[in-house]
Amino acid sequence: MLYLIAGTNRAVKLESDDVHRLESDTKKPVEEMDEEELVEAMERLGIRSISLTDEEKQLVLVVCPYCGHKNEQGITKCEKCGASV
């Protein structure tokens, strides 16, 4: 499963079982965890992320918090409204 890390332009790929372990441990959906929470929980549970393929890197989109436009990963300003993402 591929997840965008909340508050960042980065993504993490995890096995489904690991997602369930993380959510059970933190009592929070993975997609709502910020980077610090996710990293701490993964370290505590001994979970390692899976490397993204080049194709998966292209699939990751960053949603602008202001206008909702879906931007490509790595972009710093929204292509539609110009806000920092």
Protein backbone atom coordinates (compact mmCIF):
# COMPACT_ATOMS: atom_id res chain seq x y z
CA MET A 1 0.00 0.00 0.00
CA LEU A 2 1.26 3.45 -0.91
CA TYR A 3 0.70 6.40 1.45
CA LEU A 4 1.61 10.06 1.25
CA ILE A 5 3.16 11.14 4.56
CA ALA A 6 0.99 13.85 6.10
CA GLY A 7 2.51 17.30 5.93
CA THR A 8 5.22 16.29 3.44
CA ASN A 9 5.69 15.66 -0.25
CA ARG A 10 6.99 12.15 0.41
CA ALA A 11 5.36 8.76 0.26
CA VAL A 12 5.93 5.45 2.00
CA LYS A 13 5.07 1.98 0.74
CA LEU A 14 4.00 -0.60 3.34
CA GLU A 15 2.70 -4.15 3.43
CA SER A 16 -1.02 -4.37 4.31
CA ASP A 17 -0.24 -6.30 7.51
CA ASP A 18 2.18 -3.57 8.58
CA VAL A 19 -0.45 -0.89 7.97
CA HIS A 20 -2.85 -2.77 10.26
CA ARG A 21 -0.14 -3.14 12.93
CA LEU A 22 0.66 0.58 12.79
CA GLU A 23 -2.99 1.60 12.99
CA SER A 24 -3.65 -0.81 15.85
CA ASP A 25 -0.62 0.47 17.76
CA THR A 26 -1.28 4.19 17.26
CA LYS A 27 -5.11 4.07 17.16
CA LYS A 28 -4.86 6.33 14.10
CA PRO A 29 -5.13 5.77 10.33
CA VAL A 30 -1.70 5.76 8.64
CA GLU A 31 -2.75 8.50 6.22
CA GLU A 32 -3.39 10.84 9.18
CA MET A 33 -0.01 10.28 10.85
CA ASP A 34 2.64 12.94 10.48
CA GLU A 35 6.19 11.91 9.59
CA GLU A 36 7.43 11.81 13.20
CA GLU A 37 4.52 9.64 14.38
CA LEU A 38 4.93 7.26 11.47
CA VAL A 39 8.71 6.89 11.84
CA GLU A 40 8.48 6.36 15.62
CA ALA A 41 5.76 3.72 15.27
CA MET A 42 7.62 1.94 12.45
CA GLU A 43 10.82 1.85 14.53
CA ARG A 44 8.97 0.68 17.64
CA LEU A 45 7.30 -2.15 15.71
CA GLY A 46 10.34 -3.04 13.58
CA ILE A 47 8.57 -2.16 10.32
CA ARG A 48 10.57 -1.17 7.25
CA SER A 49 9.11 0.59 4.24
CA ILE A 50 9.32 -0.94 0.77
CA SER A 51 11.20 0.94 -1.96
CA LEU A 52 8.97 2.73 -4.44
CA THR A 53 9.28 1.81 -8.10
CA ASP A 54 9.76 4.61 -10.63
CA GLU A 55 6.15 4.05 -11.76
CA GLU A 56 4.84 4.40 -8.20
CA LYS A 57 6.81 7.61 -7.70
CA GLN A 58 4.93 9.02 -10.69
CA LEU A 59 1.57 8.03 -9.14
CA VAL A 60 2.04 9.99 -5.92
CA LEU A 61 0.12 13.25 -6.00
CA VAL A 62 0.11 16.07 -3.47
CA VAL A 63 -3.31 17.60 -2.85
CA CYS A 64 -3.24 21.37 -2.34
CA PRO A 65 -4.76 22.19 1.07
CA TYR A 66 -6.18 25.44 -0.34
CA CYS A 67 -7.83 24.55 -3.66
CA GLY A 68 -7.74 20.73 -3.73
CA HIS A 69 -5.75 20.52 -6.98
CA LYS A 70 -3.69 17.33 -7.35
CA ASN A 71 -0.04 18.20 -7.99
CA GLU A 72 2.88 15.92 -8.81
CA GLN A 73 5.18 14.87 -5.97
CA GLY A 74 8.15 17.16 -5.35
CA ILE A 75 6.42 20.36 -6.43
CA THR A 76 6.60 23.24 -3.93
CA LYS A 77 3.79 25.45 -5.27
CA CYS A 78 0.33 24.41 -6.43
CA GLU A 79 0.07 24.41 -10.22
CA LYS A 80 -3.48 25.78 -10.03
CA CYS A 81 -3.51 28.45 -7.29
CA GLY A 82 0.21 29.00 -6.59
CA ALA A 83 -0.05 28.27 -2.85
CA SER A 84 2.86 26.55 -1.11
CA VAL A 85 2.23 22.82 -0.72
